[in-house]
Structure formats: structure tokens, C-alpha cells
């Protein structure tokens, strides 16, 4: 068996990196176990999901059509609220043939 020695500062940096990786993995696991509808997404993701521009999303917020949360300049939406918004605006066309 070989013994490898390193400086204490290098060891501290390695341990710090390992702890950061552990925290990221723990956070990813927590998010993976959470149902998607309970997660929060940013403005960009909401635009893609609803297939609308940032300006349209702003209008939905201004007109209180879509709930959101804001931290400084960053806007977040619950996926469940986006899903509810889509369902509320769902238009079903009847396929009746005469």
C-alpha cells in the first residue's frame, strides 16, 4: 500500500469540493423526488411551456391572470399554476359530423 501525503490546504480544498458535491447531489435528489407540479420555474421556462413571449407573460402578471413570485428582478412560477392556467384557457372543439 502506498501512502500519499498532501499539504493541509490542498486537503481542505478537496474536502470542501467533496462537501459541495454532496450538497448539490442532495439538492438534486430532493428535487427529483418532488412532483414536477410542485416545483418552481423561472420566466424563461414559463415562456417556453406556454409558448408565449416575455412581454405576454408580463401582461398575464399585470392583469393578475397568472400567479408568480418575485425575488429582486427574478420571477418564478409554480408549475401547478402554469398547468391550471393552461387548463382554464383550454378550448375544446366538438368534432361533430352532419
PDB file of N, CA and C in Angstrom:
ATOM      1  N   UNK A   1       0.847  -1.167   0.000  1.00  0.00           N
ATOM      2  CA  UNK A   1       0.000   0.000   0.000  1.00  0.00           C
ATOM      3  C   UNK A   1       0.897   1.235   0.000  1.00  0.00           C
ATOM      4  N   UNK A   2       0.553   2.195  -0.874  1.00  0.00           N
ATOM      5  CA  UNK A   2       1.297   3.443  -0.928  1.00  0.00           C
ATOM      6  C   UNK A   2       0.646   4.476  -0.036  1.00  0.00           C
ATOM      7  N   UNK A   3       1.451   5.301   0.573  1.00  0.00           N
ATOM      8  CA  UNK A   3       0.945   6.416   1.360  1.00  0.00           C
ATOM      9  C   UNK A   3       1.272   7.689   0.599  1.00  0.00           C
ATOM     10  N   UNK A   4       0.233   8.493   0.385  1.00  0.00           N
ATOM     11  CA  UNK A   4       0.397   9.742  -0.346  1.00  0.00           C
ATOM     12  C   UNK A   4       0.155  10.879   0.631  1.00  0.00           C
ATOM     13  N   UNK A   5       1.047  11.841   0.629  1.00  0.00           N
ATOM     14  CA  UNK A   5       0.865  12.980   1.514  1.00  0.00           C
ATOM     15  C   UNK A   5       0.593  14.229   0.675  1.00  0.00           C
ATOM     16  N   UNK A   6      -0.264  15.081   1.229  1.00  0.00           N
ATOM     17  CA  UNK A   6      -0.552  16.353   0.572  1.00  0.00           C
ATOM     18  C   UNK A   6      -0.550  17.447   1.633  1.00  0.00           C
ATOM     19  N   UNK A   7      -0.416  18.666   1.193  1.00  0.00           N
ATOM     20  CA  UNK A   7      -0.435  19.787   2.122  1.00  0.00           C
ATOM     21  C   UNK A   7      -1.837  19.912   2.725  1.00  0.00           C
ATOM     22  N   UNK A   8      -1.891  20.426   3.933  1.00  0.00           N
ATOM     23  CA  UNK A   8      -3.178  20.532   4.631  1.00  0.00           C
ATOM     24  C   UNK A   8      -4.152  21.449   3.884  1.00  0.00           C
ATOM     25  N   UNK A   9      -3.662  22.513   3.237  1.00  0.00           N
ATOM     26  CA  UNK A   9      -4.534  23.411   2.482  1.00  0.00           C
ATOM     27  C   UNK A   9      -5.133  22.679   1.283  1.00  0.00           C
ATOM     28  N   UNK A  10      -4.349  21.865   0.597  1.00  0.00           N
ATOM     29  CA  UNK A  10      -4.867  21.092  -0.532  1.00  0.00           C
ATOM     30  C   UNK A  10      -5.921  20.097  -0.047  1.00  0.00           C
ATOM     31  N   UNK A  11      -5.661  19.467   1.117  1.00  0.00           N
ATOM     32  CA  UNK A  11      -6.632  18.528   1.686  1.00  0.00           C
ATOM     33  C   UNK A  11      -7.933  19.259   2.029  1.00  0.00           C
ATOM     34  N   UNK A  12      -7.833  20.456   2.629  1.00  0.00           N
ATOM     35  CA  UNK A  12      -9.011  21.242   2.976  1.00  0.00           C
ATOM     36  C   UNK A  12      -9.822  21.579   1.728  1.00  0.00           C
ATOM     37  N   UNK A  13      -9.147  21.952   0.638  1.00  0.00           N
ATOM     38  CA  UNK A  13      -9.838  22.280  -0.608  1.00  0.00           C
ATOM     39  C   UNK A  13     -10.544  21.060  -1.197  1.00  0.00           C
ATOM     40  N   UNK A  14      -9.899  19.912  -1.113  1.00  0.00           N
ATOM     41  CA  UNK A  14     -10.515  18.669  -1.602  1.00  0.00           C
ATOM     42  C   UNK A  14     -11.756  18.344  -0.780  1.00  0.00           C
ATOM     43  N   UNK A  15     -11.654  18.462   0.532  1.00  0.00           N
ATOM     44  CA  UNK A  15     -12.802  18.163   1.397  1.00  0.00           C
ATOM     45  C   UNK A  15     -13.937  19.158   1.150  1.00  0.00           C
ATOM     46  N   UNK A  16     -13.596  20.405   0.920  1.00  0.00           N
ATOM     47  CA  UNK A  16     -14.613  21.415   0.620  1.00  0.00           C
ATOM     48  C   UNK A  16     -15.318  21.094  -0.698  1.00  0.00           C
ATOM     49  N   UNK A  17     -14.553  20.669  -1.707  1.00  0.00           N
ATOM     50  CA  UNK A  17     -15.142  20.302  -3.001  1.00  0.00           C
ATOM     51  C   UNK A  17     -16.059  19.088  -2.844  1.00  0.00           C
ATOM     52  N   UNK A  18     -15.654  18.118  -2.056  1.00  0.00           N
ATOM     53  CA  UNK A  18     -16.481  16.931  -1.817  1.00  0.00           C
ATOM     54  C   UNK A  18     -17.778  17.327  -1.123  1.00  0.00           C
ATOM     55  N   UNK A  19     -17.708  18.227  -0.153  1.00  0.00           N
ATOM     56  CA  UNK A  19     -18.908  18.686   0.556  1.00  0.00           C
ATOM     57  C   UNK A  19     -19.853  19.428  -0.392  1.00  0.00           C
ATOM     58  N   UNK A  20     -19.293  20.237  -1.280  1.00  0.00           N
ATOM     59  CA  UNK A  20     -20.124  20.956  -2.255  1.00  0.00           C
ATOM     60  C   UNK A  20     -20.826  19.976  -3.199  1.00  0.00           C
ATOM     61  N   UNK A  21     -20.122  18.953  -3.622  1.00  0.00           N
ATOM     62  CA  UNK A  21     -20.719  17.925  -4.489  1.00  0.00           C
ATOM     63  C   UNK A  21     -21.839  17.210  -3.743  1.00  0.00           C
ATOM     64  N   UNK A  22     -21.600  16.904  -2.465  1.00  0.00           N
ATOM     65  CA  UNK A  22     -22.623  16.230  -1.657  1.00  0.00           C
ATOM     66  C   UNK A  22     -23.886  17.091  -1.552  1.00  0.00           C
ATOM     67  N   UNK A  23     -23.701  18.387  -1.333  1.00  0.00           N
ATOM     68  CA  UNK A  23     -24.847  19.292  -1.218  1.00  0.00           C
ATOM     69  C   UNK A  23     -25.623  19.375  -2.527  1.00  0.00           C
ATOM     70  N   UNK A  24     -24.917  19.453  -3.644  1.00  0.00           N
ATOM     71  CA  UNK A  24     -25.578  19.511  -4.947  1.00  0.00           C
ATOM     72  C   UNK A  24     -26.352  18.224  -5.199  1.00  0.00           C
ATOM     73  N   UNK A  25     -25.742  17.085  -4.910  1.00  0.00           N
ATOM     74  CA  UNK A  25     -26.420  15.799  -5.096  1.00  0.00           C
ATOM     75  C   UNK A  25     -27.657  15.684  -4.208  1.00  0.00           C
ATOM     76  N   UNK A  26     -27.546  16.150  -2.977  1.00  0.00           N
ATOM     77  CA  UNK A  26     -28.681  16.118  -2.049  1.00  0.00           C
ATOM     78  C   UNK A  26     -29.823  17.001  -2.567  1.00  0.00           C
ATOM     79  N   UNK A  27     -29.482  18.172  -3.070  1.00  0.00           N
ATOM     80  CA  UNK A  27     -30.486  19.083  -3.624  1.00  0.00           C
ATOM     81  C   UNK A  27     -31.146  18.475  -4.862  1.00  0.00           C
ATOM     82  N   UNK A  28     -30.334  17.873  -5.738  1.00  0.00           N
ATOM     83  CA  UNK A  28     -30.875  17.235  -6.946  1.00  0.00           C
ATOM     84  C   UNK A  28     -31.791  16.072  -6.590  1.00  0.00           C
ATOM     85  N   UNK A  29     -31.433  15.307  -5.588  1.00  0.00           N
ATOM     86  CA  UNK A  29     -32.266  14.184  -5.153  1.00  0.00           C
ATOM     87  C   UNK A  29     -33.594  14.697  -4.595  1.00  0.00           C
ATOM     88  N   UNK A  30     -33.532  15.760  -3.781  1.00  0.00           N
ATOM     89  CA  UNK A  30     -34.752  16.342  -3.226  1.00  0.00           C
ATOM     90  C   UNK A  30     -35.671  16.829  -4.345  1.00  0.00           C
ATOM     91  N   UNK A  31     -35.101  17.496  -5.356  1.00  0.00           N
ATOM     92  CA  UNK A  31     -35.897  17.990  -6.477  1.00  0.00           C
ATOM     93  C   UNK A  31     -36.474  16.830  -7.286  1.00  0.00           C
ATOM     94  N   UNK A  32     -35.700  15.772  -7.468  1.00  0.00           N
ATOM     95  CA  UNK A  32     -36.154  14.624  -8.257  1.00  0.00           C
ATOM     96  C   UNK A  32     -37.320  13.914  -7.570  1.00  0.00           C
ATOM     97  N   UNK A  33     -37.337  13.957  -6.256  1.00  0.00           N
ATOM     98  CA  UNK A  33     -38.401  13.280  -5.523  1.00  0.00           C
ATOM     99  C   UNK A  33     -39.663  14.140  -5.436  1.00  0.00           C
ATOM    100  N   UNK A  34     -39.533  15.434  -5.678  1.00  0.00           N
ATOM    101  CA  UNK A  34     -40.678  16.343  -5.613  1.00  0.00           C
ATOM    102  C   UNK A  34     -41.476  16.231  -6.911  1.00  0.00           C
ATOM    103  N   UNK A  35     -42.796  16.121  -6.821  1.00  0.00           N
ATOM    104  CA  UNK A  35     -43.596  16.098  -8.048  1.00  0.00           C
ATOM    105  C   UNK A  35     -43.343  17.353  -8.868  1.00  0.00           C
ATOM    106  N   UNK A  36     -43.297  17.194 -10.176  1.00  0.00           N
ATOM    107  CA  UNK A  36     -42.960  18.314 -11.067  1.00  0.00           C
ATOM    108  C   UNK A  36     -43.898  19.490 -10.859  1.00  0.00           C
ATOM    109  N   UNK A  37     -45.169  19.239 -10.623  1.00  0.00           N
ATOM    110  CA  UNK A  37     -46.130  20.330 -10.485  1.00  0.00           C
ATOM    111  C   UNK A  37     -45.881  21.174  -9.233  1.00  0.00           C
ATOM    112  N   UNK A  38     -45.119  20.652  -8.272  1.00  0.00           N
ATOM    113  CA  UNK A  38     -44.816  21.411  -7.059  1.00  0.00           C
ATOM    114  C   UNK A  38     -43.527  22.220  -7.195  1.00  0.00           C
ATOM    115  N   UNK A  39     -42.853  22.100  -8.309  1.00  0.00           N
ATOM    116  CA  UNK A  39     -41.603  22.817  -8.496  1.00  0.00           C
ATOM    117  C   UNK A  39     -41.853  24.228  -9.012  1.00  0.00           C
ATOM    118  N   UNK A  40     -40.852  25.074  -8.863  1.00  0.00           N
ATOM    119  CA  UNK A  40     -40.899  26.455  -9.332  1.00  0.00           C
ATOM    120  C   UNK A  40     -39.992  26.585 -10.544  1.00  0.00           C
ATOM    121  N   UNK A  41     -40.429  27.363 -11.538  1.00  0.00           N
ATOM    122  CA  UNK A  41     -39.631  27.581 -12.748  1.00  0.00           C
ATOM    123  C   UNK A  41     -39.485  29.082 -12.985  1.00  0.00           C
ATOM    124  N   UNK A  42     -38.470  29.440 -13.744  1.00  0.00           N
ATOM    125  CA  UNK A  42     -38.227  30.859 -13.996  1.00  0.00           C
ATOM    126  C   UNK A  42     -39.015  31.347 -15.210  1.00  0.00           C
ATOM    127  N   UNK A  43     -38.861  32.620 -15.495  1.00  0.00           N
ATOM    128  CA  UNK A  43     -39.582  33.279 -16.583  1.00  0.00           C
ATOM    129  C   UNK A  43     -39.328  32.589 -17.926  1.00  0.00           C
ATOM    130  N   UNK A  44     -38.074  32.265 -18.176  1.00  0.00           N
ATOM    131  CA  UNK A  44     -37.701  31.655 -19.463  1.00  0.00           C
ATOM    132  C   UNK A  44     -38.412  30.315 -19.665  1.00  0.00           C
ATOM    133  N   UNK A  45     -38.416  29.499 -18.623  1.00  0.00           N
ATOM    134  CA  UNK A  45     -39.072  28.193 -18.719  1.00  0.00           C
ATOM    135  C   UNK A  45     -40.578  28.353 -18.913  1.00  0.00           C
ATOM    136  N   UNK A  46     -41.182  29.308 -18.184  1.00  0.00           N
ATOM    137  CA  UNK A  46     -42.618  29.544 -18.311  1.00  0.00           C
ATOM    138  C   UNK A  46     -42.967  29.987 -19.731  1.00  0.00           C
ATOM    139  N   UNK A  47     -42.139  30.844 -20.310  1.00  0.00           N
ATOM    140  CA  UNK A  47     -42.365  31.278 -21.701  1.00  0.00           C
ATOM    141  C   UNK A  47     -42.362  30.082 -22.646  1.00  0.00           C
ATOM    142  N   UNK A  48     -41.403  29.191 -22.460  1.00  0.00           N
ATOM    143  CA  UNK A  48     -41.315  28.011 -23.323  1.00  0.00           C
ATOM    144  C   UNK A  48     -42.519  27.094 -23.127  1.00  0.00           C
ATOM    145  N   UNK A  49     -42.898  26.892 -21.871  1.00  0.00           N
ATOM    146  CA  UNK A  49     -44.015  25.999 -21.581  1.00  0.00           C
ATOM    147  C   UNK A  49     -45.318  26.523 -22.162  1.00  0.00           C
ATOM    148  N   UNK A  50     -45.553  27.825 -22.026  1.00  0.00           N
ATOM    149  CA  UNK A  50     -46.796  28.417 -22.523  1.00  0.00           C
ATOM    150  C   UNK A  50     -46.691  28.847 -23.986  1.00  0.00           C
ATOM    151  N   UNK A  51     -45.475  28.806 -24.529  1.00  0.00           N
ATOM    152  CA  UNK A  51     -45.218  29.224 -25.913  1.00  0.00           C
ATOM    153  C   UNK A  51     -45.659  30.679 -26.134  1.00  0.00           C
ATOM    154  N   UNK A  52     -45.208  31.551 -25.226  1.00  0.00           N
ATOM    155  CA  UNK A  52     -45.517  32.978 -25.316  1.00  0.00           C
ATOM    156  C   UNK A  52     -44.226  33.781 -25.128  1.00  0.00           C
ATOM    157  N   UNK A  53     -44.294  35.045 -25.482  1.00  0.00           N
ATOM    158  CA  UNK A  53     -43.142  35.931 -25.312  1.00  0.00           C
ATOM    159  C   UNK A  53     -43.053  36.406 -23.860  1.00  0.00           C
ATOM    160  N   UNK A  54     -41.912  36.995 -23.516  1.00  0.00           N
ATOM    161  CA  UNK A  54     -41.748  37.558 -22.176  1.00  0.00           C
ATOM    162  C   UNK A  54     -42.760  38.682 -21.951  1.00  0.00           C
ATOM    163  N   UNK A  55     -43.032  39.434 -22.987  1.00  0.00           N
ATOM    164  CA  UNK A  55     -43.988  40.542 -22.884  1.00  0.00           C
ATOM    165  C   UNK A  55     -45.401  40.026 -22.592  1.00  0.00           C
ATOM    166  N   UNK A  56     -45.796  38.935 -23.254  1.00  0.00           N
ATOM    167  CA  UNK A  56     -47.114  38.344 -22.996  1.00  0.00           C
ATOM    168  C   UNK A  56     -47.193  37.841 -21.561  1.00  0.00           C
ATOM    169  N   UNK A  57     -46.126  37.215 -21.103  1.00  0.00           N
ATOM    170  CA  UNK A  57     -46.096  36.737 -19.724  1.00  0.00           C
ATOM    171  C   UNK A  57     -46.214  37.916 -18.754  1.00  0.00           C
ATOM    172  N   UNK A  58     -45.564  39.020 -19.078  1.00  0.00           N
ATOM    173  CA  UNK A  58     -45.668  40.231 -18.271  1.00  0.00           C
ATOM    174  C   UNK A  58     -47.123  40.720 -18.214  1.00  0.00           C
ATOM    175  N   UNK A  59     -47.807  40.669 -19.364  1.00  0.00           N
ATOM    176  CA  UNK A  59     -49.217  41.062 -19.412  1.00  0.00           C
ATOM    177  C   UNK A  59     -50.054  40.155 -18.516  1.00  0.00           C
ATOM    178  N   UNK A  60     -49.804  38.847 -18.549  1.00  0.00           N
ATOM    179  CA  UNK A  60     -50.540  37.909 -17.692  1.00  0.00           C
ATOM    180  C   UNK A  60     -50.337  38.266 -16.219  1.00  0.00           C
ATOM    181  N   UNK A  61     -49.117  38.665 -15.855  1.00  0.00           N
ATOM    182  CA  UNK A  61     -48.852  39.068 -14.468  1.00  0.00           C
ATOM    183  C   UNK A  61     -49.566  40.378 -14.152  1.00  0.00           C
ATOM    184  N   UNK A  62     -49.427  41.354 -15.041  1.00  0.00           N
ATOM    185  CA  UNK A  62     -50.042  42.668 -14.813  1.00  0.00           C
ATOM    186  C   UNK A  62     -51.555  42.570 -14.648  1.00  0.00           C
ATOM    187  N   UNK A  63     -52.170  41.700 -15.427  1.00  0.00           N
ATOM    188  CA  UNK A  63     -53.620  41.537 -15.369  1.00  0.00           C
ATOM    189  C   UNK A  63     -54.045  40.492 -14.333  1.00  0.00           C
ATOM    190  N   UNK A  64     -53.091  40.043 -13.543  1.00  0.00           N
ATOM    191  CA  UNK A  64     -53.323  39.068 -12.472  1.00  0.00           C
ATOM    192  C   UNK A  64     -53.983  37.781 -12.971  1.00  0.00           C
ATOM    193  N   UNK A  65     -53.598  37.390 -14.163  1.00  0.00           N
ATOM    194  CA  UNK A  65     -54.112  36.144 -14.730  1.00  0.00           C
ATOM    195  C   UNK A  65     -53.276  34.947 -14.280  1.00  0.00           C
ATOM    196  N   UNK A  66     -52.047  35.218 -13.890  1.00  0.00           N
ATOM    197  CA  UNK A  66     -51.103  34.153 -13.575  1.00  0.00           C
ATOM    198  C   UNK A  66     -50.343  34.503 -12.295  1.00  0.00           C
ATOM    199  N   UNK A  67     -50.450  33.673 -11.258  1.00  0.00           N
ATOM    200  CA  UNK A  67     -49.717  33.950 -10.019  1.00  0.00           C
ATOM    201  C   UNK A  67     -48.208  33.785 -10.224  1.00  0.00           C
ATOM    202  N   UNK A  68     -47.426  34.498  -9.453  1.00  0.00           N
ATOM    203  CA  UNK A  68     -45.976  34.416  -9.556  1.00  0.00           C
ATOM    204  C   UNK A  68     -45.350  34.857  -8.245  1.00  0.00           C
ATOM    205  N   UNK A  69     -44.064  34.627  -8.147  1.00  0.00           N
ATOM    206  CA  UNK A  69     -43.295  35.088  -7.009  1.00  0.00           C
ATOM    207  C   UNK A  69     -42.094  35.840  -7.566  1.00  0.00           C
ATOM    208  N   UNK A  70     -41.681  36.896  -6.881  1.00  0.00           N
ATOM    209  CA  UNK A  70     -40.568  37.698  -7.385  1.00  0.00           C
ATOM    210  C   UNK A  70     -39.545  37.913  -6.282  1.00  0.00           C
ATOM    211  N   UNK A  71     -38.296  37.640  -6.618  1.00  0.00           N
ATOM    212  CA  UNK A  71     -37.177  37.915  -5.726  1.00  0.00           C
ATOM    213  C   UNK A  71     -36.248  38.840  -6.498  1.00  0.00           C
ATOM    214  N   UNK A  72     -36.208  40.089  -6.076  1.00  0.00           N
ATOM    215  CA  UNK A  72     -35.499  41.149  -6.801  1.00  0.00           C
ATOM    216  C   UNK A  72     -36.063  41.207  -8.223  1.00  0.00           C
ATOM    217  N   UNK A  73     -35.232  41.031  -9.237  1.00  0.00           N
ATOM    218  CA  UNK A  73     -35.720  41.121 -10.620  1.00  0.00           C
ATOM    219  C   UNK A  73     -36.121  39.754 -11.172  1.00  0.00           C
ATOM    220  N   UNK A  74     -35.908  38.702 -10.415  1.00  0.00           N
ATOM    221  CA  UNK A  74     -36.158  37.343 -10.895  1.00  0.00           C
ATOM    222  C   UNK A  74     -37.595  36.923 -10.584  1.00  0.00           C
ATOM    223  N   UNK A  75     -38.289  36.405 -11.615  1.00  0.00           N
ATOM    224  CA  UNK A  75     -39.686  35.977 -11.490  1.00  0.00           C
ATOM    225  C   UNK A  75     -39.740  34.446 -11.513  1.00  0.00           C
ATOM    226  N   UNK A  76     -40.585  33.880 -10.646  1.00  0.00           N
ATOM    227  CA  UNK A  76     -40.767  32.430 -10.589  1.00  0.00           C
ATOM    228  C   UNK A  76     -42.253  32.092 -10.633  1.00  0.00           C
ATOM    229  N   UNK A  77     -42.555  30.920 -11.206  1.00  0.00           N
ATOM    230  CA  UNK A  77     -43.930  30.429 -11.309  1.00  0.00           C
ATOM    231  C   UNK A  77     -43.963  28.990 -10.808  1.00  0.00           C
ATOM    232  N   UNK A  78     -45.045  28.629 -10.135  1.00  0.00           N
ATOM    233  CA  UNK A  78     -45.238  27.225  -9.781  1.00  0.00           C
ATOM    234  C   UNK A  78     -45.747  26.501 -11.019  1.00  0.00           C
ATOM    235  N   UNK A  79     -45.214  25.342 -11.271  1.00  0.00           N
ATOM    236  CA  UNK A  79     -45.638  24.557 -12.425  1.00  0.00           C
ATOM    237  C   UNK A  79     -47.126  24.250 -12.325  1.00  0.00           C
ATOM    238  N   UNK A  80     -47.626  24.000 -11.126  1.00  0.00           N
ATOM    239  CA  UNK A  80     -49.054  23.724 -10.936  1.00  0.00           C
ATOM    240  C   UNK A  80     -49.905  24.911 -11.389  1.00  0.00           C
ATOM    241  N   UNK A  81     -49.437  26.137 -11.136  1.00  0.00           N
ATOM    242  CA  UNK A  81     -50.181  27.328 -11.559  1.00  0.00           C
ATOM    243  C   UNK A  81     -50.170  27.473 -13.081  1.00  0.00           C
ATOM    244  N   UNK A  82     -49.049  27.155 -13.703  1.00  0.00           N
ATOM    245  CA  UNK A  82     -48.979  27.208 -15.167  1.00  0.00           C
ATOM    246  C   UNK A  82     -49.927  26.175 -15.778  1.00  0.00           C
ATOM    247  N   UNK A  83     -49.952  24.994 -15.177  1.00  0.00           N
ATOM    248  CA  UNK A  83     -50.838  23.934 -15.661  1.00  0.00           C
ATOM    249  C   UNK A  83     -52.303  24.344 -15.503  1.00  0.00           C
ATOM    250  N   UNK A  84     -52.646  24.923 -14.363  1.00  0.00           N
ATOM    251  CA  UNK A  84     -54.013  25.393 -14.109  1.00  0.00           C
ATOM    252  C   UNK A  84     -54.398  26.480 -15.117  1.00  0.00           C
ATOM    253  N   UNK A  85     -53.451  27.386 -15.413  1.00  0.00           N
ATOM    254  CA  UNK A  85     -53.679  28.451 -16.385  1.00  0.00           C
ATOM    255  C   UNK A  85     -54.000  27.867 -17.760  1.00  0.00           C
ATOM    256  N   UNK A  86     -53.233  26.861 -18.166  1.00  0.00           N
ATOM    257  CA  UNK A  86     -53.485  26.209 -19.460  1.00  0.00           C
ATOM    258  C   UNK A  86     -54.848  25.538 -19.483  1.00  0.00           C
ATOM    259  N   UNK A  87     -55.189  24.856 -18.413  1.00  0.00           N
ATOM    260  CA  UNK A  87     -56.483  24.165 -18.354  1.00  0.00           C
ATOM    261  C   UNK A  87     -57.645  25.156 -18.374  1.00  0.00           C
ATOM    262  N   UNK A  88     -57.487  26.293 -17.698  1.00  0.00           N
ATOM    263  CA  UNK A  88     -58.539  27.313 -17.668  1.00  0.00           C
ATOM    264  C   UNK A  88     -58.788  27.899 -19.053  1.00  0.00           C
ATOM    265  N   UNK A  89     -57.774  27.925 -19.878  1.00  0.00           N
ATOM    266  CA  UNK A  89     -57.896  28.517 -21.210  1.00  0.00           C
ATOM    267  C   UNK A  89     -57.994  27.466 -22.313  1.00  0.00           C
ATOM    268  N   UNK A  90     -58.293  26.261 -21.894  1.00  0.00           N
ATOM    269  CA  UNK A  90     -58.440  25.168 -22.853  1.00  0.00           C
ATOM    270  C   UNK A  90     -59.749  25.329 -23.619  1.00  0.00           C
ATOM    271  N   UNK A  91     -59.664  25.217 -24.920  1.00  0.00           N
ATOM    272  CA  UNK A  91     -60.857  25.318 -25.769  1.00  0.00           C
ATOM    273  C   UNK A  91     -61.046  23.984 -26.469  1.00  0.00           C
ATOM    274  N   UNK A  92     -62.161  23.353 -26.182  1.00  0.00           N
ATOM    275  CA  UNK A  92     -62.447  22.050 -26.795  1.00  0.00           C
ATOM    276  C   UNK A  92     -63.362  22.285 -27.973  1.00  0.00           C
ATOM    277  N   UNK A  93     -62.971  21.781 -29.104  1.00  0.00           N
ATOM    278  CA  UNK A  93     -63.803  21.869 -30.295  1.00  0.00           C
ATOM    279  C   UNK A  93     -64.519  20.549 -30.493  1.00  0.00           C
ATOM    280  N   UNK A  94     -65.796  20.635 -30.744  1.00  0.00           N
ATOM    281  CA  UNK A  94     -66.534  19.402 -30.982  1.00  0.00           C
ATOM    282  C   UNK A  94     -66.287  18.944 -32.417  1.00  0.00           C
ATOM    283  N   UNK A  95     -66.179  17.681 -32.568  1.00  0.00           N
ATOM    284  CA  UNK A  95     -65.910  17.084 -33.867  1.00  0.00           C
ATOM    285  C   UNK A  95     -67.179  16.419 -34.393  1.00  0.00           C
ATOM    286  N   UNK A  96     -68.237  17.160 -34.466  1.00  0.00           N
ATOM    287  CA  UNK A  96     -69.497  16.577 -34.916  1.00  0.00           C
ATOM    288  C   UNK A  96     -69.592  16.643 -36.428  1.00  0.00           C
ATOM    289  N   UNK A  97     -69.984  15.546 -37.001  1.00  0.00           N
ATOM    290  CA  UNK A  97     -70.178  15.494 -38.467  1.00  0.00           C
ATOM    291  C   UNK A  97     -71.657  15.398 -38.731  1.00  0.00           C
ATOM    292  N   UNK A  98     -72.125  16.175 -39.669  1.00  0.00           N
ATOM    293  CA  UNK A  98     -73.551  16.140 -40.011  1.00  0.00           C
ATOM    294  C   UNK A  98     -73.807  15.328 -41.237  1.00  0.00           C
TER     295      UNK A  98
END
